[in-house]
Amino acid sequence: IWLMGADNQSGFHHCENWRDIMHTVPVGVLSRPDNQLAAGLSRTAQVFGRYRLPREAARLLPFAPTPAWTLLSGPMVEASSTEIRASGRWIR
């Protein structure tokens, strides 16, 4: 599964080969503060809308034929992934 934050989903269509990526691997989009709505309305969401799994079916994403994606929400923190990696808090 390709995991990305909702902030990346908003501009994903600007990436080279973005359609190929969507057709190659299931995509899980993780909500980020202030970006969930933009991700759901993004160009990628529009083009691949019919392939979106409902949140309740997210556990099926690894087994779904591509293209397949879902937008997941849950508890959010303001820290960016860059900040988390730099802090080393993710290393056990």
N, C-alpha and C. Protein backbone atom coordinates (compact mmCIF):
# COMPACT_ATOMS: atom_id res chain seq x y z
N ILE A 1 0.85 -1.18 0.00
CA ILE A 1 0.00 0.00 0.00
C ILE A 1 0.89 1.23 0.00
N TRP A 2 0.54 2.19 -0.83
CA TRP A 2 1.21 3.49 -0.84
C TRP A 2 0.45 4.35 0.17
N LEU A 3 1.12 4.80 1.22
CA LEU A 3 0.50 5.67 2.21
C LEU A 3 0.95 7.10 1.98
N MET A 4 -0.01 8.00 2.02
CA MET A 4 0.31 9.42 1.89
C MET A 4 -0.63 10.22 2.78
N GLY A 5 -0.18 11.38 3.16
CA GLY A 5 -1.02 12.28 3.93
C GLY A 5 -2.00 12.98 3.01
N ALA A 6 -3.10 13.42 3.58
CA ALA A 6 -4.11 14.12 2.80
C ALA A 6 -3.54 15.39 2.18
N ASP A 7 -2.54 15.98 2.81
CA ASP A 7 -1.91 17.16 2.24
C ASP A 7 -1.22 16.82 0.92
N ASN A 8 -0.66 15.62 0.80
CA ASN A 8 -0.04 15.20 -0.46
C ASN A 8 -1.08 14.82 -1.51
N GLN A 9 -2.19 14.25 -1.07
CA GLN A 9 -3.25 13.87 -2.01
C GLN A 9 -3.76 15.08 -2.78
N SER A 10 -3.79 16.23 -2.11
CA SER A 10 -4.32 17.44 -2.74
C SER A 10 -3.55 17.82 -4.01
N GLY A 11 -2.25 17.56 -4.03
CA GLY A 11 -1.44 17.92 -5.18
C GLY A 11 -0.84 16.74 -5.91
N PHE A 12 -1.29 15.54 -5.60
CA PHE A 12 -0.72 14.32 -6.16
C PHE A 12 -0.77 14.30 -7.68
N HIS A 13 -1.79 14.91 -8.24
CA HIS A 13 -1.95 14.91 -9.71
C HIS A 13 -0.84 15.69 -10.41
N HIS A 14 -0.05 16.44 -9.68
CA HIS A 14 1.09 17.15 -10.26
C HIS A 14 2.33 16.26 -10.35
N CYS A 15 2.30 15.12 -9.69
CA CYS A 15 3.45 14.19 -9.71
C CYS A 15 3.54 13.48 -11.06
N GLU A 16 4.75 13.23 -11.47
CA GLU A 16 4.96 12.48 -12.70
C GLU A 16 4.42 11.06 -12.51
N ASN A 17 3.71 10.56 -13.51
CA ASN A 17 3.16 9.19 -13.50
C ASN A 17 2.16 8.92 -12.38
N TRP A 18 1.45 9.94 -11.91
CA TRP A 18 0.51 9.75 -10.82
C TRP A 18 -0.59 8.76 -11.16
N ARG A 19 -1.04 8.77 -12.39
CA ARG A 19 -2.07 7.81 -12.80
C ARG A 19 -1.51 6.38 -12.79
N ASP A 20 -0.28 6.22 -13.24
CA ASP A 20 0.36 4.90 -13.22
C ASP A 20 0.47 4.37 -11.79
N ILE A 21 0.83 5.25 -10.86
CA ILE A 21 0.94 4.85 -9.46
C ILE A 21 -0.42 4.35 -8.96
N MET A 22 -1.47 5.09 -9.27
CA MET A 22 -2.80 4.69 -8.81
C MET A 22 -3.22 3.35 -9.41
N HIS A 23 -2.75 3.06 -10.61
CA HIS A 23 -3.09 1.80 -11.26
C HIS A 23 -2.18 0.64 -10.83
N THR A 24 -1.11 0.96 -10.11
CA THR A 24 -0.11 -0.05 -9.74
C THR A 24 -0.26 -0.53 -8.31
N VAL A 25 -0.60 0.35 -7.40
CA VAL A 25 -0.60 0.02 -5.97
C VAL A 25 -1.82 0.65 -5.29
N PRO A 26 -2.46 -0.07 -4.35
CA PRO A 26 -3.53 0.55 -3.57
C PRO A 26 -2.99 1.72 -2.75
N VAL A 27 -3.79 2.74 -2.58
CA VAL A 27 -3.35 3.96 -1.91
C VAL A 27 -4.20 4.23 -0.68
N GLY A 28 -3.54 4.42 0.44
CA GLY A 28 -4.20 4.83 1.68
C GLY A 28 -3.85 6.28 1.96
N VAL A 29 -4.85 7.12 2.04
CA VAL A 29 -4.64 8.55 2.31
C VAL A 29 -5.03 8.80 3.76
N LEU A 30 -4.09 9.30 4.53
CA LEU A 30 -4.29 9.55 5.96
C LEU A 30 -4.64 11.02 6.17
N SER A 31 -5.73 11.24 6.86
CA SER A 31 -6.16 12.61 7.13
C SER A 31 -5.08 13.39 7.85
N ARG A 32 -4.99 14.64 7.50
CA ARG A 32 -4.08 15.57 8.16
C ARG A 32 -4.92 16.77 8.57
N PRO A 33 -4.55 17.41 9.66
CA PRO A 33 -5.31 18.59 10.07
C PRO A 33 -5.43 19.60 8.92
N ASP A 34 -6.62 20.05 8.69
CA ASP A 34 -6.92 21.07 7.69
C ASP A 34 -6.79 20.60 6.25
N ASN A 35 -6.62 19.30 5.97
CA ASN A 35 -6.45 18.84 4.59
C ASN A 35 -7.43 17.76 4.16
N GLN A 36 -8.26 17.27 5.05
CA GLN A 36 -9.15 16.16 4.70
C GLN A 36 -10.12 16.55 3.60
N LEU A 37 -10.74 17.70 3.69
CA LEU A 37 -11.70 18.13 2.68
C LEU A 37 -11.02 18.34 1.33
N ALA A 38 -9.86 18.99 1.33
CA ALA A 38 -9.13 19.22 0.09
C ALA A 38 -8.74 17.91 -0.57
N ALA A 39 -8.35 16.92 0.21
CA ALA A 39 -7.98 15.61 -0.34
C ALA A 39 -9.18 14.95 -0.99
N GLY A 40 -10.32 15.01 -0.34
CA GLY A 40 -11.52 14.40 -0.88
C GLY A 40 -12.05 15.08 -2.13
N LEU A 41 -11.66 16.32 -2.33
CA LEU A 41 -12.10 17.07 -3.51
C LEU A 41 -11.00 17.23 -4.55
N SER A 42 -9.86 16.62 -4.32
CA SER A 42 -8.70 16.78 -5.20
C SER A 42 -8.94 16.20 -6.59
N ARG A 43 -8.08 16.56 -7.50
CA ARG A 43 -8.14 16.04 -8.87
C ARG A 43 -8.02 14.51 -8.86
N THR A 44 -7.12 13.99 -8.04
CA THR A 44 -6.96 12.53 -7.95
C THR A 44 -8.25 11.89 -7.47
N ALA A 45 -8.87 12.47 -6.45
CA ALA A 45 -10.13 11.93 -5.93
C ALA A 45 -11.23 11.99 -6.99
N GLN A 46 -11.23 13.02 -7.81
CA GLN A 46 -12.23 13.13 -8.87
C GLN A 46 -12.01 12.08 -9.94
N VAL A 47 -10.78 11.94 -10.40
CA VAL A 47 -10.48 11.01 -11.49
C VAL A 47 -10.69 9.56 -11.03
N PHE A 48 -10.32 9.25 -9.79
CA PHE A 48 -10.39 7.88 -9.29
C PHE A 48 -11.51 7.69 -8.26
N GLY A 49 -12.49 8.55 -8.29
CA GLY A 49 -13.58 8.50 -7.32
C GLY A 49 -14.32 7.18 -7.28
N ARG A 50 -14.53 6.57 -8.41
CA ARG A 50 -15.30 5.31 -8.42
C ARG A 50 -14.50 4.13 -7.85
N TYR A 51 -13.22 4.33 -7.62
CA TYR A 51 -12.37 3.28 -7.06
C TYR A 51 -12.11 3.47 -5.56
N ARG A 52 -12.76 4.46 -4.98
CA ARG A 52 -12.55 4.75 -3.56
C ARG A 52 -13.32 3.75 -2.71
N LEU A 53 -12.60 3.14 -1.77
CA LEU A 53 -13.24 2.24 -0.81
C LEU A 53 -13.75 3.08 0.36
N PRO A 54 -14.93 2.77 0.87
CA PRO A 54 -15.38 3.48 2.06
C PRO A 54 -14.45 3.19 3.24
N ARG A 55 -14.39 4.12 4.15
CA ARG A 55 -13.50 3.98 5.31
C ARG A 55 -13.71 2.65 6.02
N GLU A 56 -14.96 2.21 6.10
CA GLU A 56 -15.28 0.96 6.79
C GLU A 56 -14.66 -0.26 6.10
N ALA A 57 -14.32 -0.14 4.83
CA ALA A 57 -13.73 -1.25 4.07
C ALA A 57 -12.22 -1.10 3.91
N ALA A 58 -11.62 -0.17 4.63
CA ALA A 58 -10.19 0.10 4.49
C ALA A 58 -9.32 -1.13 4.73
N ARG A 59 -9.77 -2.02 5.59
CA ARG A 59 -8.98 -3.23 5.88
C ARG A 59 -8.84 -4.12 4.65
N LEU A 60 -9.69 -3.91 3.65
CA LEU A 60 -9.63 -4.70 2.41
C LEU A 60 -8.65 -4.11 1.40
N LEU A 61 -8.14 -2.93 1.66
CA LEU A 61 -7.28 -2.24 0.70
C LEU A 61 -6.09 -3.07 0.22
N PRO A 62 -5.38 -3.80 1.08
CA PRO A 62 -4.23 -4.59 0.59
C PRO A 62 -4.62 -5.67 -0.42
N PHE A 63 -5.86 -6.06 -0.41
CA PHE A 63 -6.32 -7.16 -1.28
C PHE A 63 -7.14 -6.68 -2.47
N ALA A 64 -7.38 -5.38 -2.54
CA ALA A 64 -8.22 -4.82 -3.59
C ALA A 64 -7.46 -4.73 -4.91
N PRO A 65 -8.13 -5.03 -6.01
CA PRO A 65 -7.48 -4.83 -7.30
C PRO A 65 -7.29 -3.33 -7.54
N THR A 66 -6.22 -2.97 -8.17
CA THR A 66 -5.96 -1.56 -8.44
C THR A 66 -6.68 -1.13 -9.71
N PRO A 67 -7.05 0.12 -9.79
CA PRO A 67 -6.85 1.16 -8.78
C PRO A 67 -7.81 0.99 -7.60
N ALA A 68 -7.32 1.33 -6.44
CA ALA A 68 -8.11 1.32 -5.21
C ALA A 68 -7.47 2.29 -4.23
N TRP A 69 -8.31 3.03 -3.53
CA TRP A 69 -7.79 3.96 -2.53
C TRP A 69 -8.86 4.22 -1.48
N THR A 70 -8.42 4.75 -0.36
CA THR A 70 -9.35 5.14 0.70
C THR A 70 -8.78 6.33 1.44
N LEU A 71 -9.67 7.11 2.01
CA LEU A 71 -9.30 8.27 2.83
C LEU A 71 -9.64 7.92 4.27
N LEU A 72 -8.62 7.84 5.10
CA LEU A 72 -8.79 7.43 6.50
C LEU A 72 -8.73 8.63 7.42
N SER A 73 -9.59 8.62 8.41
CA SER A 73 -9.52 9.67 9.41
C SER A 73 -9.36 9.02 10.78
N GLY A 74 -8.88 9.78 11.70
CA GLY A 74 -8.66 9.29 13.05
C GLY A 74 -8.04 10.39 13.86
N PRO A 75 -7.52 10.06 15.03
CA PRO A 75 -6.87 11.09 15.85
C PRO A 75 -5.72 11.73 15.08
N MET A 76 -5.63 13.03 15.14
CA MET A 76 -4.60 13.75 14.39
C MET A 76 -3.75 14.58 15.32
N VAL A 77 -2.52 14.74 14.93
CA VAL A 77 -1.60 15.64 15.62
C VAL A 77 -1.08 16.65 14.62
N GLU A 78 -0.65 17.77 15.10
CA GLU A 78 -0.17 18.83 14.22
C GLU A 78 1.23 18.56 13.69
N ALA A 79 1.98 17.64 14.29
CA ALA A 79 3.36 17.39 13.87
C ALA A 79 3.40 16.84 12.45
N SER A 80 4.33 17.32 11.66
CA SER A 80 4.51 16.82 10.31
C SER A 80 5.34 15.54 10.34
N SER A 81 5.26 14.76 9.28
CA SER A 81 6.07 13.54 9.21
C SER A 81 7.55 13.88 9.24
N THR A 82 7.93 15.01 8.66
CA THR A 82 9.33 15.45 8.68
C THR A 82 9.78 15.69 10.12
N GLU A 83 8.93 16.34 10.92
CA GLU A 83 9.26 16.59 12.33
C GLU A 83 9.38 15.28 13.11
N ILE A 84 8.48 14.36 12.85
CA ILE A 84 8.50 13.07 13.56
C ILE A 84 9.76 12.30 13.22
N ARG A 85 10.12 12.25 11.93
CA ARG A 85 11.35 11.55 11.54
C ARG A 85 12.57 12.19 12.17
N ALA A 86 12.62 13.52 12.16
CA ALA A 86 13.78 14.23 12.71
C ALA A 86 13.93 14.01 14.21
N SER A 87 12.80 13.86 14.90
CA SER A 87 12.87 13.70 16.36
C SER A 87 13.32 12.30 16.78
N GLY A 88 13.16 11.31 15.89
CA GLY A 88 13.51 9.95 16.22
C GLY A 88 12.50 9.25 17.10
N ARG A 89 11.35 9.90 17.38
CA ARG A 89 10.32 9.30 18.25
C ARG A 89 9.71 8.05 17.64
N TRP A 90 9.80 7.86 16.36
CA TRP A 90 9.19 6.70 15.70
C TRP A 90 10.08 5.46 15.81
N ILE A 91 11.32 5.64 16.21
CA ILE A 91 12.25 4.51 16.35
C ILE A 91 12.06 3.88 17.72
N ARG A 92 11.93 2.57 17.75
CA ARG A 92 11.77 1.89 19.05
C ARG A 92 13.04 1.19 19.42
